[in-house]
Amino acid sequence: LYMPEFVSSLPNIGIDGTLKNRGKKLSVAKHAYLKTGSIQNVSAIAGYIFDKNNDIKVFVFMANDPKANESSKIQDDLIEWAYLN
């Protein structure tokens, strides 16, 4: 019922918000609505991916490690994989 409004409130990868400068060159650009979050030693991203068949996938990634802030490339790779598969 409220999903379209909720999803549209999330940053669109490669387009706006905290994801404006991420994923611009990926196939998933414009097809994933995700929210990032971080605290000391933790990095997370979660939301919805509308895959190449326009099916909705729920995506959650959390890293808890002193190097968690280095996980954005892995996050982007998994988001792209989820979009393509």
Protein backbone atom coordinates (compact mmCIF):
# COMPACT_ATOMS: atom_id res chain seq x y z
CA LEU A 1 0.00 0.00 0.00
CA TYR A 2 2.69 2.52 0.98
CA MET A 3 5.65 0.80 -0.66
CA PRO A 4 5.97 3.15 -3.68
CA GLU A 5 6.18 6.18 -1.39
CA PHE A 6 8.67 4.50 0.93
CA VAL A 7 10.91 3.25 -1.89
CA SER A 8 10.91 6.63 -3.61
CA SER A 9 12.08 8.22 -0.35
CA LEU A 10 15.32 6.19 -0.46
CA PRO A 11 18.40 7.36 -2.38
CA ASN A 12 18.60 5.98 -5.93
CA ILE A 13 22.06 4.57 -6.64
CA GLY A 14 24.02 6.77 -9.02
CA ILE A 15 21.36 9.50 -8.88
CA ASP A 16 20.86 11.18 -5.51
CA GLY A 17 21.47 11.31 -1.79
CA THR A 18 24.31 9.37 -0.21
CA LEU A 19 24.51 7.18 -3.34
CA LYS A 20 24.79 10.00 -5.88
CA ASN A 21 28.45 9.27 -6.61
CA ARG A 22 28.26 5.48 -6.32
CA GLY A 23 27.39 3.02 -9.05
CA LYS A 24 27.06 5.53 -11.89
CA LYS A 25 28.83 3.17 -14.31
CA LEU A 26 27.03 0.03 -13.14
CA SER A 27 24.05 -1.54 -14.89
CA VAL A 28 22.11 -1.20 -11.64
CA ALA A 29 22.31 2.62 -11.70
CA LYS A 30 18.79 4.04 -11.44
CA HIS A 31 17.40 0.60 -10.45
CA ALA A 32 18.29 0.38 -6.74
CA TYR A 33 16.88 2.38 -3.84
CA LEU A 34 19.11 1.94 -0.81
CA LYS A 35 19.98 3.57 2.50
CA THR A 36 23.53 3.61 3.80
CA GLY A 37 24.59 3.76 7.40
CA SER A 38 27.80 3.64 9.38
CA ILE A 39 29.22 3.87 12.87
CA GLN A 40 32.71 3.09 14.10
CA ASN A 41 33.87 -0.20 12.52
CA VAL A 42 30.46 -0.83 10.90
CA SER A 43 29.19 -0.13 7.38
CA ALA A 44 25.75 -1.07 6.12
CA ILE A 45 23.50 -0.63 3.11
CA ALA A 46 19.94 -1.90 2.68
CA GLY A 47 16.96 -1.39 0.43
CA TYR A 48 15.34 -2.56 -2.77
CA ILE A 49 16.73 -3.54 -6.16
CA PHE A 50 14.47 -3.67 -9.21
CA ASP A 51 16.33 -6.28 -11.27
CA LYS A 52 16.59 -6.48 -15.07
CA ASN A 53 13.25 -8.36 -15.13
CA ASN A 54 11.72 -5.64 -12.91
CA ASP A 55 11.36 -8.10 -10.03
CA ILE A 56 11.90 -6.58 -6.58
CA LYS A 57 14.78 -7.89 -4.48
CA VAL A 58 15.40 -6.91 -0.88
CA PHE A 59 19.10 -6.26 -0.26
CA VAL A 60 20.95 -5.99 3.06
CA PHE A 61 24.72 -5.86 3.60
CA MET A 62 26.46 -5.23 6.92
CA ALA A 63 30.17 -5.28 7.64
CA ASN A 64 31.44 -5.24 11.22
CA ASP A 65 35.21 -4.91 11.15
CA PRO A 66 37.85 -2.24 11.73
CA LYS A 67 38.13 -2.03 7.91
CA ALA A 68 34.36 -1.93 7.31
CA ASN A 69 34.62 1.52 5.73
CA GLU A 70 36.55 -0.14 2.88
CA SER A 71 33.63 -2.41 1.94
CA SER A 72 31.82 -0.09 -0.51
CA LYS A 73 33.38 -1.80 -3.56
CA ILE A 74 32.17 -5.20 -2.33
CA GLN A 75 28.74 -3.70 -1.61
CA ASP A 76 28.55 -2.27 -5.13
CA ASP A 77 29.65 -5.58 -6.68
CA LEU A 78 26.95 -7.50 -4.77
CA ILE A 79 24.28 -4.93 -5.66
CA GLU A 80 25.25 -5.25 -9.34
CA TRP A 81 25.21 -9.06 -9.09
CA ALA A 82 21.74 -8.99 -7.50
CA TYR A 83 20.49 -6.74 -10.30
CA LEU A 84 21.88 -8.97 -13.08
CA ASN A 85 20.86 -12.33 -11.58
